[in-house]
């Protein structure tokens, strides 16, 4: 018993030592987020003085109302929500059947298709952005929400296919054999049996895609020039540029909190599912 206790103590000590490098980053992150939150409740004068945390003039919740209405954060927020929800749904509906077919069926061109998806993962976005812009502008489809959602879906589908491939390859074939005995078609087997079995991967990939598309800046800067179609990343950048004229820094930090809130809530409530989804694909079923 003493020997086991000593081993346990050494294990606890090693675990604590592993947290030491992470601790400064955690403290820095919490301090940074806290500073932004308190700044969103302060006036511009308090932000540039030493009295921001004293709140001598009270809490200025009107900064959030001004940011939502005056700074048009509501428009950017709803645009990003539309782009993210539609794109994440499209990625799941396209990538999961493709990964299932590539992992469970043997047909001519299977390996070629997988290699093409692998090649797509290695192509930098900056290398294809100009040809894409030439095609889109040639069809006069710039500042089109559907084009932007199509591009988001297409750019993130190759990774989703490879991610789902690991899940389907680790599932036993007995599920499909039992479904075939019951008279299920391959399509019905996928949607009724196999698709629900990869739920941890679905949740994890959706969260990753949500964060990626929500914070995407480069493509939206190129293809969404009008204020009415801008997502939050480009909208915030334009707000920062306008601060030199308006000086409403409290409203700007309130906008940052509004934009940051959805991904923060997602991670707080679904962090355990993210970890399960990342590790589930490596476990043989």
C-alpha atoms as a PDB file:
ATOM      1  CA  UNK A   1       0.000   0.000   0.000  1.00  0.00           C
ATOM      2  CA  UNK A   2       2.824   2.389   0.822  1.00  0.00           C
ATOM      3  CA  UNK A   3       4.465   1.672  -2.516  1.00  0.00           C
ATOM      4  CA  UNK A   4       1.245   2.383  -4.413  1.00  0.00           C
ATOM      5  CA  UNK A   5       0.748   5.549  -2.438  1.00  0.00           C
ATOM      6  CA  UNK A   6       4.247   6.701  -3.368  1.00  0.00           C
ATOM      7  CA  UNK A   7       3.605   6.023  -7.037  1.00  0.00           C
ATOM      8  CA  UNK A   8       0.323   7.925  -6.783  1.00  0.00           C
ATOM      9  CA  UNK A   9       2.047  10.888  -5.151  1.00  0.00           C
ATOM     10  CA  UNK A  10       4.696  10.950  -7.866  1.00  0.00           C
ATOM     11  CA  UNK A  11       1.945  10.857 -10.490  1.00  0.00           C
ATOM     12  CA  UNK A  12       0.166  13.777  -8.844  1.00  0.00           C
ATOM     13  CA  UNK A  13       3.427  15.693  -8.687  1.00  0.00           C
ATOM     14  CA  UNK A  14       4.082  15.134 -12.392  1.00  0.00           C
ATOM     15  CA  UNK A  15       0.542  16.260 -13.199  1.00  0.00           C
ATOM     16  CA  UNK A  16       1.021  19.450 -11.205  1.00  0.00           C
ATOM     17  CA  UNK A  17       4.321  20.131 -12.951  1.00  0.00           C
ATOM     18  CA  UNK A  18       2.537  19.730 -16.282  1.00  0.00           C
ATOM     19  CA  UNK A  19       0.156  22.553 -15.355  1.00  0.00           C
ATOM     20  CA  UNK A  20       2.957  24.978 -14.527  1.00  0.00           C
ATOM     21  CA  UNK A  21       3.672  26.096 -18.149  1.00  0.00           C
ATOM     22  CA  UNK A  22      -0.081  26.463 -18.796  1.00  0.00           C
ATOM     23  CA  UNK A  23      -0.778  28.613 -15.737  1.00  0.00           C
ATOM     24  CA  UNK A  24       0.764  31.884 -17.040  1.00  0.00           C
ATOM     25  CA  UNK A  25      -1.189  31.582 -20.296  1.00  0.00           C
ATOM     26  CA  UNK A  26      -4.456  30.969 -18.386  1.00  0.00           C
ATOM     27  CA  UNK A  27      -3.844  33.960 -16.128  1.00  0.00           C
ATOM     28  CA  UNK A  28      -2.957  36.183 -19.080  1.00  0.00           C
ATOM     29  CA  UNK A  29      -6.098  35.090 -20.961  1.00  0.00           C
ATOM     30  CA  UNK A  30      -8.412  35.739 -18.012  1.00  0.00           C
ATOM     31  CA  UNK A  31      -6.827  39.125 -17.359  1.00  0.00           C
ATOM     32  CA  UNK A  32      -7.177  40.097 -21.020  1.00  0.00           C
ATOM     33  CA  UNK A  33     -10.819  38.984 -21.251  1.00  0.00           C
ATOM     34  CA  UNK A  34     -11.621  40.680 -17.940  1.00  0.00           C
ATOM     35  CA  UNK A  35     -10.022  43.940 -19.097  1.00  0.00           C
ATOM     36  CA  UNK A  36     -12.064  43.938 -22.326  1.00  0.00           C
ATOM     37  CA  UNK A  37     -15.280  43.211 -20.389  1.00  0.00           C
ATOM     38  CA  UNK A  38     -14.694  46.013 -17.883  1.00  0.00           C
ATOM     39  CA  UNK A  39     -13.725  48.374 -20.699  1.00  0.00           C
ATOM     40  CA  UNK A  40     -17.057  47.637 -22.396  1.00  0.00           C
ATOM     41  CA  UNK A  41     -18.818  48.991 -19.302  1.00  0.00           C
ATOM     42  CA  UNK A  42     -16.712  52.152 -19.069  1.00  0.00           C
ATOM     43  CA  UNK A  43     -16.533  55.487 -20.841  1.00  0.00           C
ATOM     44  CA  UNK A  44     -13.732  56.396 -23.239  1.00  0.00           C
ATOM     45  CA  UNK A  45     -12.267  58.772 -20.632  1.00  0.00           C
ATOM     46  CA  UNK A  46     -12.144  56.059 -17.995  1.00  0.00           C
ATOM     47  CA  UNK A  47     -10.497  53.594 -20.399  1.00  0.00           C
ATOM     48  CA  UNK A  48      -7.574  55.969 -21.032  1.00  0.00           C
ATOM     49  CA  UNK A  49      -7.217  56.875 -17.362  1.00  0.00           C
ATOM     50  CA  UNK A  50      -6.409  54.984 -14.195  1.00  0.00           C
ATOM     51  CA  UNK A  51     -10.038  54.981 -13.037  1.00  0.00           C
ATOM     52  CA  UNK A  52     -11.521  52.290 -15.282  1.00  0.00           C
ATOM     53  CA  UNK A  53     -11.890  49.719 -12.515  1.00  0.00           C
ATOM     54  CA  UNK A  54     -13.289  52.207 -10.027  1.00  0.00           C
ATOM     55  CA  UNK A  55     -16.460  52.798 -12.091  1.00  0.00           C
ATOM     56  CA  UNK A  56     -16.916  56.298 -10.712  1.00  0.00           C
ATOM     57  CA  UNK A  57     -19.617  57.028 -13.282  1.00  0.00           C
ATOM     58  CA  UNK A  58     -21.296  53.632 -12.885  1.00  0.00           C
ATOM     59  CA  UNK A  59     -21.752  50.754 -15.296  1.00  0.00           C
ATOM     60  CA  UNK A  60     -22.469  51.908 -18.827  1.00  0.00           C
ATOM     61  CA  UNK A  61     -24.676  49.153 -20.244  1.00  0.00           C
ATOM     62  CA  UNK A  62     -25.805  51.614 -22.886  1.00  0.00           C
ATOM     63  CA  UNK A  63     -22.515  50.858 -24.656  1.00  0.00           C
ATOM     64  CA  UNK A  64     -24.012  47.533 -25.700  1.00  0.00           C
ATOM     65  CA  UNK A  65     -27.179  49.176 -27.007  1.00  0.00           C
ATOM     66  CA  UNK A  66     -25.151  51.704 -28.984  1.00  0.00           C
ATOM     67  CA  UNK A  67     -22.918  48.978 -30.384  1.00  0.00           C
ATOM     68  CA  UNK A  68     -25.890  46.812 -31.363  1.00  0.00           C
ATOM     69  CA  UNK A  69     -27.879  49.591 -33.027  1.00  0.00           C
ATOM     70  CA  UNK A  70     -25.628  52.536 -33.906  1.00  0.00           C
ATOM     71  CA  UNK A  71     -22.481  50.618 -34.841  1.00  0.00           C
ATOM     72  CA  UNK A  72     -24.555  48.075 -36.826  1.00  0.00           C
ATOM     73  CA  UNK A  73     -23.215  45.132 -34.854  1.00  0.00           C
ATOM     74  CA  UNK A  74     -26.683  43.599 -35.150  1.00  0.00           C
ATOM     75  CA  UNK A  75     -26.256  43.438 -38.954  1.00  0.00           C
ATOM     76  CA  UNK A  76     -22.770  41.907 -38.731  1.00  0.00           C
ATOM     77  CA  UNK A  77     -23.885  39.479 -36.025  1.00  0.00           C
ATOM     78  CA  UNK A  78     -26.886  38.188 -37.969  1.00  0.00           C
ATOM     79  CA  UNK A  79     -24.819  37.889 -41.155  1.00  0.00           C
ATOM     80  CA  UNK A  80     -22.183  35.797 -39.387  1.00  0.00           C
ATOM     81  CA  UNK A  81     -24.857  33.690 -37.723  1.00  0.00           C
ATOM     82  CA  UNK A  82     -26.443  32.985 -41.111  1.00  0.00           C
ATOM     83  CA  UNK A  83     -23.100  32.186 -42.768  1.00  0.00           C
ATOM     84  CA  UNK A  84     -22.001  29.942 -39.913  1.00  0.00           C
ATOM     85  CA  UNK A  85     -25.207  27.947 -39.431  1.00  0.00           C
ATOM     86  CA  UNK A  86     -25.795  27.329 -43.145  1.00  0.00           C
ATOM     87  CA  UNK A  87     -22.128  26.506 -43.867  1.00  0.00           C
ATOM     88  CA  UNK A  88     -21.745  24.146 -40.893  1.00  0.00           C
ATOM     89  CA  UNK A  89     -24.943  22.333 -41.878  1.00  0.00           C
ATOM     90  CA  UNK A  90     -23.824  22.039 -45.508  1.00  0.00           C
ATOM     91  CA  UNK A  91     -20.401  20.717 -44.494  1.00  0.00           C
ATOM     92  CA  UNK A  92     -21.963  17.971 -42.366  1.00  0.00           C
ATOM     93  CA  UNK A  93     -24.487  16.980 -45.051  1.00  0.00           C
ATOM     94  CA  UNK A  94     -21.774  16.791 -47.734  1.00  0.00           C
ATOM     95  CA  UNK A  95     -18.784  15.413 -45.830  1.00  0.00           C
ATOM     96  CA  UNK A  96     -20.439  12.677 -43.769  1.00  0.00           C
ATOM     97  CA  UNK A  97     -21.996  10.737 -46.703  1.00  0.00           C
ATOM     98  CA  UNK A  98     -18.792  11.201 -48.719  1.00  0.00           C
ATOM     99  CA  UNK A  99     -16.640   9.873 -45.887  1.00  0.00           C
ATOM    100  CA  UNK A 100     -19.015   6.949 -45.340  1.00  0.00           C
ATOM    101  CA  UNK A 101     -18.899   5.949 -49.004  1.00  0.00           C
ATOM    102  CA  UNK A 102     -15.107   6.265 -49.173  1.00  0.00           C
ATOM    103  CA  UNK A 103     -14.548   4.247 -45.994  1.00  0.00           C
ATOM    104  CA  UNK A 104     -17.104   1.446 -46.419  1.00  0.00           C
ATOM    105  CA  UNK A 105     -17.288   0.807 -50.181  1.00  0.00           C
ATOM    106  CA  UNK A 106     -14.568  -0.244 -52.586  1.00  0.00           C
ATOM    107  CA  UNK A 107     -14.949   1.185 -56.085  1.00  0.00           C
ATOM    108  CA  UNK A 108     -12.750   2.408 -58.917  1.00  0.00           C
ATOM    109  CA  UNK A 109     -11.423   5.858 -58.108  1.00  0.00           C
ATOM    110  CA  UNK A 110     -11.812   5.561 -54.333  1.00  0.00           C
ATOM    111  CA  UNK A 111      -8.121   6.132 -53.643  1.00  0.00           C
ATOM    112  CA  UNK A 112      -7.950   8.900 -56.239  1.00  0.00           C
ATOM    113  CA  UNK A 113     -10.803  10.789 -54.607  1.00  0.00           C
ATOM    114  CA  UNK A 114      -9.190  10.480 -51.185  1.00  0.00           C
ATOM    115  CA  UNK A 115      -5.899  11.749 -52.603  1.00  0.00           C
ATOM    116  CA  UNK A 116      -7.714  14.699 -54.153  1.00  0.00           C
ATOM    117  CA  UNK A 117      -9.199  15.611 -50.774  1.00  0.00           C
ATOM    118  CA  UNK A 118      -5.712  15.304 -49.257  1.00  0.00           C
ATOM    119  CA  UNK A 119      -4.306  17.592 -51.962  1.00  0.00           C
ATOM    120  CA  UNK A 120      -7.066  20.125 -51.276  1.00  0.00           C
ATOM    121  CA  UNK A 121      -5.976  20.278 -47.641  1.00  0.00           C
ATOM    122  CA  UNK A 122      -2.504  21.360 -48.720  1.00  0.00           C
ATOM    123  CA  UNK A 123      -3.579  24.265 -50.934  1.00  0.00           C
ATOM    124  CA  UNK A 124      -3.292  27.657 -49.165  1.00  0.00           C
ATOM    125  CA  UNK A 125      -6.357  29.857 -49.470  1.00  0.00           C
ATOM    126  CA  UNK A 126      -4.235  32.808 -50.571  1.00  0.00           C
ATOM    127  CA  UNK A 127      -3.140  30.829 -53.664  1.00  0.00           C
ATOM    128  CA  UNK A 128      -6.671  30.396 -54.995  1.00  0.00           C
ATOM    129  CA  UNK A 129      -8.361  33.545 -53.737  1.00  0.00           C
ATOM    130  CA  UNK A 130      -7.574  35.609 -56.849  1.00  0.00           C
ATOM    131  CA  UNK A 131      -8.808  32.993 -59.366  1.00  0.00           C
ATOM    132  CA  UNK A 132     -11.946  32.608 -57.250  1.00  0.00           C
ATOM    133  CA  UNK A 133     -12.456  36.357 -57.167  1.00  0.00           C
ATOM    134  CA  UNK A 134     -12.022  36.512 -60.937  1.00  0.00           C
ATOM    135  CA  UNK A 135     -14.687  33.836 -61.444  1.00  0.00           C
ATOM    136  CA  UNK A 136     -17.114  35.367 -58.938  1.00  0.00           C
ATOM    137  CA  UNK A 137     -16.685  38.904 -60.267  1.00  0.00           C
ATOM    138  CA  UNK A 138     -17.021  37.612 -63.825  1.00  0.00           C
ATOM    139  CA  UNK A 139     -20.472  36.284 -62.975  1.00  0.00           C
ATOM    140  CA  UNK A 140     -21.207  39.498 -61.008  1.00  0.00           C
ATOM    141  CA  UNK A 141     -21.818  37.573 -57.814  1.00  0.00           C
ATOM    142  CA  UNK A 142     -19.695  39.614 -55.396  1.00  0.00           C
ATOM    143  CA  UNK A 143     -21.441  40.743 -52.206  1.00  0.00           C
ATOM    144  CA  UNK A 144     -23.694  37.707 -52.479  1.00  0.00           C
ATOM    145  CA  UNK A 145     -24.422  35.850 -49.239  1.00  0.00           C
ATOM    146  CA  UNK A 146     -24.956  32.509 -50.976  1.00  0.00           C
ATOM    147  CA  UNK A 147     -21.587  32.696 -52.733  1.00  0.00           C
ATOM    148  CA  UNK A 148     -19.832  33.364 -49.441  1.00  0.00           C
ATOM    149  CA  UNK A 149     -21.606  30.425 -47.771  1.00  0.00           C
ATOM    150  CA  UNK A 150     -20.705  28.199 -50.730  1.00  0.00           C
ATOM    151  CA  UNK A 151     -17.031  29.161 -50.431  1.00  0.00           C
ATOM    152  CA  UNK A 152     -16.997  28.575 -46.667  1.00  0.00           C
ATOM    153  CA  UNK A 153     -18.535  25.134 -47.169  1.00  0.00           C
ATOM    154  CA  UNK A 154     -16.183  24.186 -49.990  1.00  0.00           C
ATOM    155  CA  UNK A 155     -13.046  25.307 -48.123  1.00  0.00           C
ATOM    156  CA  UNK A 156     -13.851  23.288 -44.987  1.00  0.00           C
ATOM    157  CA  UNK A 157     -15.286  20.134 -46.567  1.00  0.00           C
ATOM    158  CA  UNK A 158     -11.923  18.346 -47.307  1.00  0.00           C
ATOM    159  CA  UNK A 159     -10.888  18.399 -43.647  1.00  0.00           C
ATOM    160  CA  UNK A 160     -14.371  17.272 -42.588  1.00  0.00           C
ATOM    161  CA  UNK A 161     -14.192  14.300 -44.963  1.00  0.00           C
ATOM    162  CA  UNK A 162     -10.875  13.142 -43.517  1.00  0.00           C
ATOM    163  CA  UNK A 163     -12.128  13.712 -39.989  1.00  0.00           C
ATOM    164  CA  UNK A 164     -15.205  11.529 -40.571  1.00  0.00           C
ATOM    165  CA  UNK A 165     -13.158   8.872 -42.366  1.00  0.00           C
ATOM    166  CA  UNK A 166     -11.421   8.028 -39.083  1.00  0.00           C
ATOM    167  CA  UNK A 167     -14.773   7.564 -37.335  1.00  0.00           C
ATOM    168  CA  UNK A 168     -16.363   5.358 -39.988  1.00  0.00           C
ATOM    169  CA  UNK A 169     -13.262   3.187 -40.356  1.00  0.00           C
ATOM    170  CA  UNK A 170     -13.357   2.424 -36.637  1.00  0.00           C
ATOM    171  CA  UNK A 171     -17.008   1.318 -36.659  1.00  0.00           C
ATOM    172  CA  UNK A 172     -17.751  -2.380 -36.921  1.00  0.00           C
ATOM    173  CA  UNK A 173     -19.308  -3.788 -40.090  1.00  0.00           C
ATOM    174  CA  UNK A 174     -21.779  -5.763 -37.964  1.00  0.00           C
ATOM    175  CA  UNK A 175     -24.043  -2.704 -37.846  1.00  0.00           C
ATOM    176  CA  UNK A 176     -24.495  -2.773 -41.612  1.00  0.00           C
ATOM    177  CA  UNK A 177     -24.815  -6.551 -41.699  1.00  0.00           C
ATOM    178  CA  UNK A 178     -27.631  -6.441 -39.147  1.00  0.00           C
ATOM    179  CA  UNK A 179     -29.322  -3.603 -41.044  1.00  0.00           C
ATOM    180  CA  UNK A 180     -29.069  -5.539 -44.319  1.00  0.00           C
ATOM    181  CA  UNK A 181     -30.718  -8.555 -42.689  1.00  0.00           C
ATOM    182  CA  UNK A 182     -33.578  -6.287 -41.595  1.00  0.00           C
ATOM    183  CA  UNK A 183     -33.979  -5.060 -45.171  1.00  0.00           C
ATOM    184  CA  UNK A 184     -32.405  -1.578 -44.851  1.00  0.00           C
ATOM    185  CA  UNK A 185     -30.954  -0.021 -47.985  1.00  0.00           C
ATOM    186  CA  UNK A 186     -27.407   1.418 -47.797  1.00  0.00           C
ATOM    187  CA  UNK A 187     -28.832   4.952 -47.759  1.00  0.00           C
ATOM    188  CA  UNK A 188     -31.253   4.184 -44.949  1.00  0.00           C
ATOM    189  CA  UNK A 189     -28.512   2.349 -43.047  1.00  0.00           C
ATOM    190  CA  UNK A 190     -26.337   5.427 -43.191  1.00  0.00           C
ATOM    191  CA  UNK A 191     -28.929   7.943 -41.970  1.00  0.00           C
ATOM    192  CA  UNK A 192     -30.666   5.692 -39.422  1.00  0.00           C
ATOM    193  CA  UNK A 193     -27.709   3.776 -37.956  1.00  0.00           C
ATOM    194  CA  UNK A 194     -24.243   4.975 -38.965  1.00  0.00           C
ATOM    195  CA  UNK A 195     -24.841   8.741 -38.885  1.00  0.00           C
ATOM    196  CA  UNK A 196     -26.008   8.779 -35.226  1.00  0.00           C
ATOM    197  CA  UNK A 197     -22.980   6.677 -34.214  1.00  0.00           C
ATOM    198  CA  UNK A 198     -20.570   9.475 -35.138  1.00  0.00           C
ATOM    199  CA  UNK A 199     -22.355  12.041 -32.958  1.00  0.00           C
ATOM    200  CA  UNK A 200     -19.211  12.934 -30.926  1.00  0.00           C
ATOM    201  CA  UNK A 201     -17.401  13.722 -34.170  1.00  0.00           C
ATOM    202  CA  UNK A 202     -20.380  15.695 -35.486  1.00  0.00           C
ATOM    203  CA  UNK A 203     -20.463  17.916 -32.405  1.00  0.00           C
ATOM    204  CA  UNK A 204     -16.696  18.459 -32.350  1.00  0.00           C
ATOM    205  CA  UNK A 205     -16.422  19.250 -36.050  1.00  0.00           C
ATOM    206  CA  UNK A 206     -19.420  21.583 -35.913  1.00  0.00           C
ATOM    207  CA  UNK A 207     -17.848  23.524 -33.065  1.00  0.00           C
ATOM    208  CA  UNK A 208     -14.502  23.788 -34.876  1.00  0.00           C
ATOM    209  CA  UNK A 209     -16.206  24.906 -38.090  1.00  0.00           C
ATOM    210  CA  UNK A 210     -18.378  27.361 -36.180  1.00  0.00           C
ATOM    211  CA  UNK A 211     -15.349  29.035 -34.622  1.00  0.00           C
ATOM    212  CA  UNK A 212     -13.418  29.020 -37.917  1.00  0.00           C
ATOM    213  CA  UNK A 213     -16.224  30.513 -40.017  1.00  0.00           C
ATOM    214  CA  UNK A 214     -17.365  32.921 -37.305  1.00  0.00           C
ATOM    215  CA  UNK A 215     -13.874  34.420 -37.028  1.00  0.00           C
ATOM    216  CA  UNK A 216     -12.991  34.217 -40.746  1.00  0.00           C
ATOM    217  CA  UNK A 217     -11.669  37.501 -42.087  1.00  0.00           C
ATOM    218  CA  UNK A 218      -9.679  37.184 -45.324  1.00  0.00           C
ATOM    219  CA  UNK A 219     -12.318  35.749 -47.660  1.00  0.00           C
ATOM    220  CA  UNK A 220     -15.106  37.907 -46.275  1.00  0.00           C
ATOM    221  CA  UNK A 221     -12.927  40.981 -46.797  1.00  0.00           C
ATOM    222  CA  UNK A 222     -12.590  40.071 -50.490  1.00  0.00           C
ATOM    223  CA  UNK A 223     -16.121  38.883 -51.254  1.00  0.00           C
ATOM    224  CA  UNK A 224     -18.240  40.998 -48.857  1.00  0.00           C
ATOM    225  CA  UNK A 225     -17.584  44.688 -49.416  1.00  0.00           C
ATOM    226  CA  UNK A 226     -21.063  46.023 -48.640  1.00  0.00           C
ATOM    227  CA  UNK A 227     -21.997  46.779 -45.052  1.00  0.00           C
ATOM    228  CA  UNK A 228     -25.224  44.825 -45.420  1.00  0.00           C
ATOM    229  CA  UNK A 229     -23.386  41.535 -46.092  1.00  0.00           C
ATOM    230  CA  UNK A 230     -20.298  41.930 -43.878  1.00  0.00           C
ATOM    231  CA  UNK A 231     -19.673  39.373 -41.101  1.00  0.00           C
ATOM    232  CA  UNK A 232     -18.446  40.295 -37.652  1.00  0.00           C
ATOM    233  CA  UNK A 233     -14.691  40.071 -38.365  1.00  0.00           C
ATOM    234  CA  UNK A 234     -14.739  42.639 -41.177  1.00  0.00           C
ATOM    235  CA  UNK A 235     -17.332  44.721 -39.352  1.00  0.00           C
ATOM    236  CA  UNK A 236     -15.134  44.964 -36.255  1.00  0.00           C
ATOM    237  CA  UNK A 237     -12.132  45.953 -38.335  1.00  0.00           C
ATOM    238  CA  UNK A 238     -14.096  48.810 -39.901  1.00  0.00           C
ATOM    239  CA  UNK A 239     -15.304  49.872 -36.467  1.00  0.00           C
ATOM    240  CA  UNK A 240     -11.720  50.030 -35.207  1.00  0.00           C
ATOM    241  CA  UNK A 241     -10.803  52.194 -38.188  1.00  0.00           C
ATOM    242  CA  UNK A 242     -13.701  54.541 -37.430  1.00  0.00           C
ATOM    243  CA  UNK A 243     -12.609  54.964 -33.783  1.00  0.00           C
ATOM    244  CA  UNK A 244     -10.161  57.677 -34.865  1.00  0.00           C
ATOM    245  CA  UNK A 245     -13.190  59.818 -35.756  1.00  0.00           C
ATOM    246  CA  UNK A 246     -15.885  58.750 -33.246  1.00  0.00           C
ATOM    247  CA  UNK A 247     -13.789  57.951 -30.172  1.00  0.00           C
ATOM    248  CA  UNK A 248     -16.454  55.601 -28.791  1.00  0.00           C
ATOM    249  CA  UNK A 249     -14.049  53.067 -27.336  1.00  0.00           C
ATOM    250  CA  UNK A 250     -16.573  51.774 -24.815  1.00  0.00           C
ATOM    251  CA  UNK A 251     -18.940  50.904 -27.663  1.00  0.00           C
ATOM    252  CA  UNK A 252     -16.129  49.222 -29.570  1.00  0.00           C
ATOM    253  CA  UNK A 253     -15.200  46.960 -26.646  1.00  0.00           C
ATOM    254  CA  UNK A 254     -18.887  46.202 -26.156  1.00  0.00           C
ATOM    255  CA  UNK A 255     -18.938  45.077 -29.792  1.00  0.00           C
ATOM    256  CA  UNK A 256     -15.939  42.828 -29.136  1.00  0.00           C
ATOM    257  CA  UNK A 257     -17.762  41.194 -26.215  1.00  0.00           C
ATOM    258  CA  UNK A 258     -20.908  40.655 -28.310  1.00  0.00           C
ATOM    259  CA  UNK A 259     -18.897  39.050 -31.110  1.00  0.00           C
ATOM    260  CA  UNK A 260     -16.818  36.942 -28.735  1.00  0.00           C
ATOM    261  CA  UNK A 261     -19.781  35.708 -26.667  1.00  0.00           C
ATOM    262  CA  UNK A 262     -21.156  32.937 -28.978  1.00  0.00           C
ATOM    263  CA  UNK A 263     -17.852  31.058 -29.306  1.00  0.00           C
ATOM    264  CA  UNK A 264     -17.146  31.529 -25.589  1.00  0.00           C
ATOM    265  CA  UNK A 265     -20.533  30.049 -24.625  1.00  0.00           C
ATOM    266  CA  UNK A 266     -20.046  27.167 -27.054  1.00  0.00           C
ATOM    267  CA  UNK A 267     -16.705  26.261 -25.556  1.00  0.00           C
ATOM    268  CA  UNK A 268     -17.858  26.599 -21.932  1.00  0.00           C
ATOM    269  CA  UNK A 269     -20.834  24.279 -22.336  1.00  0.00           C
ATOM    270  CA  UNK A 270     -19.423  21.845 -24.925  1.00  0.00           C
ATOM    271  CA  UNK A 271     -15.730  21.598 -24.015  1.00  0.00           C
ATOM    272  CA  UNK A 272     -16.137  18.038 -22.696  1.00  0.00           C
ATOM    273  CA  UNK A 273     -17.823  16.979 -25.951  1.00  0.00           C
ATOM    274  CA  UNK A 274     -14.937  18.509 -27.925  1.00  0.00           C
ATOM    275  CA  UNK A 275     -12.445  16.342 -26.018  1.00  0.00           C
ATOM    276  CA  UNK A 276     -14.589  13.222 -26.473  1.00  0.00           C
ATOM    277  CA  UNK A 277     -14.973  13.915 -30.178  1.00  0.00           C
ATOM    278  CA  UNK A 278     -11.242  14.393 -30.711  1.00  0.00           C
ATOM    279  CA  UNK A 279     -10.337  11.158 -28.913  1.00  0.00           C
ATOM    280  CA  UNK A 280     -13.262   9.013 -30.137  1.00  0.00           C
ATOM    281  CA  UNK A 281     -11.918   8.736 -33.674  1.00  0.00           C
ATOM    282  CA  UNK A 282      -8.757   7.073 -32.400  1.00  0.00           C
ATOM    283  CA  UNK A 283     -10.604   4.315 -30.514  1.00  0.00           C
ATOM    284  CA  UNK A 284     -11.435   1.103 -32.283  1.00  0.00           C
ATOM    285  CA  UNK A 285     -15.155   0.326 -32.183  1.00  0.00           C
END
